[in-house]
Amino acid sequence: MGLPIETFAMVIATVLAGSLGMGHYLIVHKLMDKPFPGGDRTKPEEQAAGK
């Protein structure tokens, strides 16, 4: 592609890291429904209403 090897390796590493992050988000936070650290499961509307 005309890129230096170091640049190509960085592009590949970035794509792989993004894919791992996306997979983690989908599996843990969406499919398993686990909240983020420090977060709770109440919706912002419910927090505003004091529920």
PDB file of N, CA and C in Angstrom:
ATOM      1  N   MET A   1       0.823  -1.196   0.000  1.00  0.00           N
ATOM      2  CA  MET A   1       0.000   0.000   0.000  1.00  0.00           C
ATOM      3  C   MET A   1       0.867   1.260   0.000  1.00  0.00           C
ATOM      4  N   GLY A   2       2.154   1.107   0.094  1.00  0.00           N
ATOM      5  CA  GLY A   2       3.015   2.265   0.098  1.00  0.00           C
ATOM      6  C   GLY A   2       3.240   2.859   1.475  1.00  0.00           C
ATOM      7  N   LEU A   3       2.745   2.198   2.522  1.00  0.00           N
ATOM      8  CA  LEU A   3       2.933   2.685   3.886  1.00  0.00           C
ATOM      9  C   LEU A   3       4.189   2.068   4.486  1.00  0.00           C
ATOM     10  N   PRO A   4       4.853   2.799   5.360  1.00  0.00           N
ATOM     11  CA  PRO A   4       5.945   2.159   6.105  1.00  0.00           C
ATOM     12  C   PRO A   4       5.377   1.040   6.985  1.00  0.00           C
ATOM     13  N   ILE A   5       6.171   0.044   7.260  1.00  0.00           N
ATOM     14  CA  ILE A   5       5.741  -1.109   8.064  1.00  0.00           C
ATOM     15  C   ILE A   5       5.215  -0.669   9.427  1.00  0.00           C
ATOM     16  N   GLU A   6       5.872   0.302  10.068  1.00  0.00           N
ATOM     17  CA  GLU A   6       5.451   0.759  11.398  1.00  0.00           C
ATOM     18  C   GLU A   6       4.055   1.380  11.342  1.00  0.00           C
ATOM     19  N   THR A   7       3.779   2.142  10.304  1.00  0.00           N
ATOM     20  CA  THR A   7       2.457   2.762  10.168  1.00  0.00           C
ATOM     21  C   THR A   7       1.399   1.705   9.912  1.00  0.00           C
ATOM     22  N   PHE A   8       1.694   0.754   9.054  1.00  0.00           N
ATOM     23  CA  PHE A   8       0.756  -0.328   8.774  1.00  0.00           C
ATOM     24  C   PHE A   8       0.458  -1.133  10.034  1.00  0.00           C
ATOM     25  N   ALA A   9       1.500  -1.427  10.811  1.00  0.00           N
ATOM     26  CA  ALA A   9       1.314  -2.169  12.057  1.00  0.00           C
ATOM     27  C   ALA A   9       0.446  -1.380  13.038  1.00  0.00           C
ATOM     28  N   MET A  10       0.615  -0.063  13.093  1.00  0.00           N
ATOM     29  CA  MET A  10      -0.198   0.763  13.988  1.00  0.00           C
ATOM     30  C   MET A  10      -1.660   0.769  13.552  1.00  0.00           C
ATOM     31  N   VAL A  11      -1.901   0.802  12.257  1.00  0.00           N
ATOM     32  CA  VAL A  11      -3.278   0.746  11.752  1.00  0.00           C
ATOM     33  C   VAL A  11      -3.921  -0.584  12.124  1.00  0.00           C
ATOM     34  N   ILE A  12      -3.209  -1.668  11.933  1.00  0.00           N
ATOM     35  CA  ILE A  12      -3.739  -2.990  12.277  1.00  0.00           C
ATOM     36  C   ILE A  12      -3.997  -3.087  13.784  1.00  0.00           C
ATOM     37  N   ALA A  13      -3.068  -2.594  14.603  1.00  0.00           N
ATOM     38  CA  ALA A  13      -3.249  -2.634  16.062  1.00  0.00           C
ATOM     39  C   ALA A  13      -4.457  -1.803  16.491  1.00  0.00           C
ATOM     40  N   THR A  14      -4.669  -0.666  15.853  1.00  0.00           N
ATOM     41  CA  THR A  14      -5.810   0.185  16.188  1.00  0.00           C
ATOM     42  C   THR A  14      -7.125  -0.495  15.837  1.00  0.00           C
ATOM     43  N   VAL A  15      -7.178  -1.129  14.682  1.00  0.00           N
ATOM     44  CA  VAL A  15      -8.394  -1.849  14.273  1.00  0.00           C
ATOM     45  C   VAL A  15      -8.668  -3.010  15.217  1.00  0.00           C
ATOM     46  N   LEU A  16      -7.644  -3.757  15.593  1.00  0.00           N
ATOM     47  CA  LEU A  16      -7.834  -4.879  16.515  1.00  0.00           C
ATOM     48  C   LEU A  16      -8.288  -4.404  17.896  1.00  0.00           C
ATOM     49  N   ALA A  17      -7.684  -3.325  18.392  1.00  0.00           N
ATOM     50  CA  ALA A  17      -8.075  -2.804  19.702  1.00  0.00           C
ATOM     51  C   ALA A  17      -9.520  -2.307  19.681  1.00  0.00           C
ATOM     52  N   GLY A  18      -9.905  -1.661  18.610  1.00  0.00           N
ATOM     53  CA  GLY A  18     -11.288  -1.198  18.489  1.00  0.00           C
ATOM     54  C   GLY A  18     -12.267  -2.354  18.426  1.00  0.00           C
ATOM     55  N   SER A  19     -11.888  -3.395  17.729  1.00  0.00           N
ATOM     56  CA  SER A  19     -12.753  -4.571  17.633  1.00  0.00           C
ATOM     57  C   SER A  19     -12.911  -5.260  18.990  1.00  0.00           C
ATOM     58  N   LEU A  20     -11.828  -5.354  19.746  1.00  0.00           N
ATOM     59  CA  LEU A  20     -11.910  -5.938  21.093  1.00  0.00           C
ATOM     60  C   LEU A  20     -12.791  -5.090  21.999  1.00  0.00           C
ATOM     61  N   GLY A  21     -12.639  -3.778  21.916  1.00  0.00           N
ATOM     62  CA  GLY A  21     -13.460  -2.886  22.735  1.00  0.00           C
ATOM     63  C   GLY A  21     -14.926  -2.990  22.373  1.00  0.00           C
ATOM     64  N   MET A  22     -15.227  -3.047  21.087  1.00  0.00           N
ATOM     65  CA  MET A  22     -16.616  -3.168  20.648  1.00  0.00           C
ATOM     66  C   MET A  22     -17.208  -4.495  21.101  1.00  0.00           C
ATOM     67  N   GLY A  23     -16.433  -5.563  20.978  1.00  0.00           N
ATOM     68  CA  GLY A  23     -16.916  -6.866  21.426  1.00  0.00           C
ATOM     69  C   GLY A  23     -17.188  -6.892  22.918  1.00  0.00           C
ATOM     70  N   HIS A  24     -16.292  -6.295  23.693  1.00  0.00           N
ATOM     71  CA  HIS A  24     -16.490  -6.222  25.139  1.00  0.00           C
ATOM     72  C   HIS A  24     -17.754  -5.441  25.463  1.00  0.00           C
ATOM     73  N   TYR A  25     -17.949  -4.306  24.826  1.00  0.00           N
ATOM     74  CA  TYR A  25     -19.136  -3.481  25.089  1.00  0.00           C
ATOM     75  C   TYR A  25     -20.411  -4.247  24.772  1.00  0.00           C
ATOM     76  N   LEU A  26     -20.449  -4.890  23.611  1.00  0.00           N
ATOM     77  CA  LEU A  26     -21.661  -5.607  23.217  1.00  0.00           C
ATOM     78  C   LEU A  26     -21.954  -6.787  24.135  1.00  0.00           C
ATOM     79  N   ILE A  27     -20.930  -7.563  24.457  1.00  0.00           N
ATOM     80  CA  ILE A  27     -21.151  -8.761  25.263  1.00  0.00           C
ATOM     81  C   ILE A  27     -21.453  -8.411  26.717  1.00  0.00           C
ATOM     82  N   VAL A  28     -20.588  -7.614  27.336  1.00  0.00           N
ATOM     83  CA  VAL A  28     -20.710  -7.365  28.775  1.00  0.00           C
ATOM     84  C   VAL A  28     -21.810  -6.362  29.090  1.00  0.00           C
ATOM     85  N   HIS A  29     -21.835  -5.250  28.384  1.00  0.00           N
ATOM     86  CA  HIS A  29     -22.742  -4.172  28.773  1.00  0.00           C
ATOM     87  C   HIS A  29     -24.110  -4.248  28.112  1.00  0.00           C
ATOM     88  N   LYS A  30     -24.201  -4.869  26.966  1.00  0.00           N
ATOM     89  CA  LYS A  30     -25.503  -4.985  26.308  1.00  0.00           C
ATOM     90  C   LYS A  30     -26.135  -6.359  26.540  1.00  0.00           C
ATOM     91  N   LEU A  31     -25.425  -7.429  26.191  1.00  0.00           N
ATOM     92  CA  LEU A  31     -26.015  -8.759  26.316  1.00  0.00           C
ATOM     93  C   LEU A  31     -26.140  -9.205  27.768  1.00  0.00           C
ATOM     94  N   MET A  32     -25.113  -8.943  28.600  1.00  0.00           N
ATOM     95  CA  MET A  32     -25.151  -9.366  29.999  1.00  0.00           C
ATOM     96  C   MET A  32     -25.770  -8.303  30.898  1.00  0.00           C
ATOM     97  N   ASP A  33     -26.022  -7.122  30.351  1.00  0.00           N
ATOM     98  CA  ASP A  33     -26.686  -6.021  31.060  1.00  0.00           C
ATOM     99  C   ASP A  33     -25.976  -5.623  32.350  1.00  0.00           C
ATOM    100  N   LYS A  34     -24.653  -5.553  32.303  1.00  0.00           N
ATOM    101  CA  LYS A  34     -23.888  -5.117  33.471  1.00  0.00           C
ATOM    102  C   LYS A  34     -23.579  -3.632  33.325  1.00  0.00           C
ATOM    103  N   PRO A  35     -23.796  -2.850  34.374  1.00  0.00           N
ATOM    104  CA  PRO A  35     -23.555  -1.406  34.272  1.00  0.00           C
ATOM    105  C   PRO A  35     -22.068  -1.085  34.258  1.00  0.00           C
ATOM    106  N   PHE A  36     -21.764   0.119  33.870  1.00  0.00           N
ATOM    107  CA  PHE A  36     -20.386   0.597  33.934  1.00  0.00           C
ATOM    108  C   PHE A  36     -20.014   0.806  35.393  1.00  0.00           C
ATOM    109  N   PRO A  37     -18.735   0.702  35.759  1.00  0.00           N
ATOM    110  CA  PRO A  37     -18.335   0.921  37.149  1.00  0.00           C
ATOM    111  C   PRO A  37     -18.791   2.306  37.631  1.00  0.00           C
ATOM    112  N   GLY A  38     -19.415   2.330  38.778  1.00  0.00           N
ATOM    113  CA  GLY A  38     -19.888   3.588  39.339  1.00  0.00           C
ATOM    114  C   GLY A  38     -21.244   4.001  38.814  1.00  0.00           C
ATOM    115  N   GLY A  39     -21.762   3.272  37.857  1.00  0.00           N
ATOM    116  CA  GLY A  39     -23.063   3.615  37.286  1.00  0.00           C
ATOM    117  C   GLY A  39     -24.157   2.786  37.919  1.00  0.00           C
ATOM    118  N   ASP A  40     -25.363   3.256  37.774  1.00  0.00           N
ATOM    119  CA  ASP A  40     -26.502   2.461  38.226  1.00  0.00           C
ATOM    120  C   ASP A  40     -27.427   2.253  37.039  1.00  0.00           C
ATOM    121  N   ARG A  41     -28.437   1.453  37.238  1.00  0.00           N
ATOM    122  CA  ARG A  41     -29.296   1.075  36.124  1.00  0.00           C
ATOM    123  C   ARG A  41     -30.505   1.969  35.976  1.00  0.00           C
ATOM    124  N   THR A  42     -30.649   2.985  36.790  1.00  0.00           N
ATOM    125  CA  THR A  42     -31.811   3.849  36.649  1.00  0.00           C
ATOM    126  C   THR A  42     -31.624   4.771  35.461  1.00  0.00           C
ATOM    127  N   LYS A  43     -32.711   5.065  34.803  1.00  0.00           N
ATOM    128  CA  LYS A  43     -32.668   5.940  33.640  1.00  0.00           C
ATOM    129  C   LYS A  43     -32.641   7.392  34.116  1.00  0.00           C
ATOM    130  N   PRO A  44     -32.086   8.293  33.320  1.00  0.00           N
ATOM    131  CA  PRO A  44     -32.031   9.710  33.724  1.00  0.00           C
ATOM    132  C   PRO A  44     -33.391  10.288  34.066  1.00  0.00           C
ATOM    133  N   GLU A  45     -34.441   9.855  33.354  1.00  0.00           N
ATOM    134  CA  GLU A  45     -35.790  10.368  33.656  1.00  0.00           C
ATOM    135  C   GLU A  45     -36.235   9.947  35.064  1.00  0.00           C
ATOM    136  N   GLU A  46     -35.896   8.707  35.435  1.00  0.00           N
ATOM    137  CA  GLU A  46     -36.268   8.207  36.748  1.00  0.00           C
ATOM    138  C   GLU A  46     -35.472   8.911  37.839  1.00  0.00           C
ATOM    139  N   GLN A  47     -34.199   9.226  37.579  1.00  0.00           N
ATOM    140  CA  GLN A  47     -33.405   9.955  38.551  1.00  0.00           C
ATOM    141  C   GLN A  47     -33.981  11.343  38.773  1.00  0.00           C
ATOM    142  N   ALA A  48     -34.408  12.001  37.714  1.00  0.00           N
ATOM    143  CA  ALA A  48     -34.952  13.346  37.831  1.00  0.00           C
ATOM    144  C   ALA A  48     -36.275  13.325  38.606  1.00  0.00           C
ATOM    145  N   ALA A  49     -37.037  12.254  38.445  1.00  0.00           N
ATOM    146  CA  ALA A  49     -38.317  12.158  39.137  1.00  0.00           C
ATOM    147  C   ALA A  49     -38.146  11.643  40.562  1.00  0.00           C
ATOM    148  N   GLY A  50     -36.954  11.254  40.945  1.00  0.00           N
ATOM    149  CA  GLY A  50     -36.701  10.775  42.298  1.00  0.00           C
ATOM    150  C   GLY A  50     -37.160   9.354  42.534  1.00  0.00           C
ATOM    151  N   LYS A  51     -37.278   8.560  41.499  1.00  0.00           N
ATOM    152  CA  LYS A  51     -37.718   7.176  41.647  1.00  0.00           C
ATOM    153  C   LYS A  51     -36.566   6.286  42.003  1.00  0.00           C
TER     154      LYS A  51
END
